[in-house]
């Protein structure tokens, strides 16, 4: 599975959680600045949806420190699915 493979599904999850239009979300979209995700409040809810959608268990501390953009988040998802 590659970032390109999961990107549409990841964008759909993010759009559902944030209420943003999926057409306005790109891999370069910044989680806080572009999508309005407040890391202290919204990130754990977003991560729970991503974990459920992809059947993975991303570490919230690691993910919040390493994921600034959708592309960063996709990288973490791919790495976690490969570790399986």
Protein backbone atom coordinates (compact mmCIF):
# COMPACT_ATOMS: atom_id res chain seq x y z
CA UNK A 1 0.00 0.00 0.00
CA UNK A 2 1.35 3.43 -0.94
CA UNK A 3 0.51 7.00 0.03
CA UNK A 4 -1.13 7.41 -3.37
CA UNK A 5 -3.30 4.35 -2.70
CA UNK A 6 -4.61 5.57 0.63
CA UNK A 7 -4.81 9.32 -0.03
CA UNK A 8 -8.45 9.44 -1.29
CA UNK A 9 -9.66 7.35 1.64
CA UNK A 10 -7.60 9.39 4.13
CA UNK A 11 -8.93 12.66 2.70
CA UNK A 12 -12.50 11.36 3.03
CA UNK A 13 -11.93 10.50 6.70
CA UNK A 14 -10.39 13.91 7.37
CA UNK A 15 -13.23 15.67 5.56
CA UNK A 16 -15.80 13.76 7.61
CA UNK A 17 -14.12 14.62 10.91
CA UNK A 18 -13.33 18.26 10.10
CA UNK A 19 -16.35 19.17 7.99
CA UNK A 20 -14.06 20.43 5.23
CA UNK A 21 -14.88 19.84 1.57
CA UNK A 22 -12.76 16.90 0.33
CA UNK A 23 -12.13 18.82 -2.89
CA UNK A 24 -10.37 21.49 -0.83
CA UNK A 25 -8.06 19.03 0.94
CA UNK A 26 -4.74 18.14 -0.68
CA UNK A 27 -1.70 16.16 0.47
CA UNK A 28 -0.01 19.49 1.22
CA UNK A 29 -2.87 20.74 3.41
CA UNK A 30 -1.58 21.66 6.86
CA UNK A 31 -3.64 20.05 9.62
CA UNK A 32 -3.82 23.12 11.85
CA UNK A 33 -3.41 26.07 9.51
CA UNK A 34 -5.43 24.86 6.51
CA UNK A 35 -7.95 22.48 8.07
CA UNK A 36 -8.46 24.11 11.46
CA UNK A 37 -7.63 20.99 13.45
CA UNK A 38 -6.82 21.94 17.03
CA UNK A 39 -4.28 19.33 18.02
CA UNK A 40 -5.18 19.42 21.73
CA UNK A 41 -8.89 18.99 20.99
CA UNK A 42 -9.49 17.41 17.59
CA UNK A 43 -6.46 15.27 16.84
CA UNK A 44 -7.34 12.30 19.04
CA UNK A 45 -10.82 12.09 17.50
CA UNK A 46 -9.30 12.27 14.00
CA UNK A 47 -6.72 9.64 14.89
CA UNK A 48 -9.39 7.30 16.27
CA UNK A 49 -11.29 7.52 12.95
CA UNK A 50 -8.10 6.94 10.95
CA UNK A 51 -7.16 3.95 13.12
CA UNK A 52 -10.62 2.45 12.66
CA UNK A 53 -10.71 3.12 8.91
CA UNK A 54 -7.32 1.53 8.22
CA UNK A 55 -7.36 -1.09 11.03
CA UNK A 56 -4.17 0.28 12.57
CA UNK A 57 -3.05 1.73 15.90
CA UNK A 58 -1.17 4.98 15.38
CA UNK A 59 0.44 6.32 18.54
CA UNK A 60 -1.19 9.71 19.30
CA UNK A 61 2.00 11.26 20.69
CA UNK A 62 4.11 10.15 17.75
CA UNK A 63 1.49 11.10 15.18
CA UNK A 64 0.88 14.56 16.61
CA UNK A 65 4.60 15.31 16.71
CA UNK A 66 5.35 14.01 13.20
CA UNK A 67 2.25 14.89 11.18
CA UNK A 68 1.90 18.50 10.11
CA UNK A 69 0.33 17.83 6.71
CA UNK A 70 -1.99 15.26 5.17
CA UNK A 71 1.02 13.80 3.36
CA UNK A 72 2.86 13.36 6.69
CA UNK A 73 -0.18 11.61 8.12
CA UNK A 74 -0.39 9.35 5.06
CA UNK A 75 3.26 8.38 5.53
CA UNK A 76 2.52 7.33 9.11
CA UNK A 77 -0.53 5.32 8.01
CA UNK A 78 1.47 3.49 5.32
CA UNK A 79 4.32 2.76 7.74
CA UNK A 80 1.87 1.40 10.33
CA UNK A 81 0.05 -0.79 7.79
CA UNK A 82 3.39 -2.21 6.64
CA UNK A 83 4.34 -3.06 10.23
CA UNK A 84 0.93 -4.68 10.53
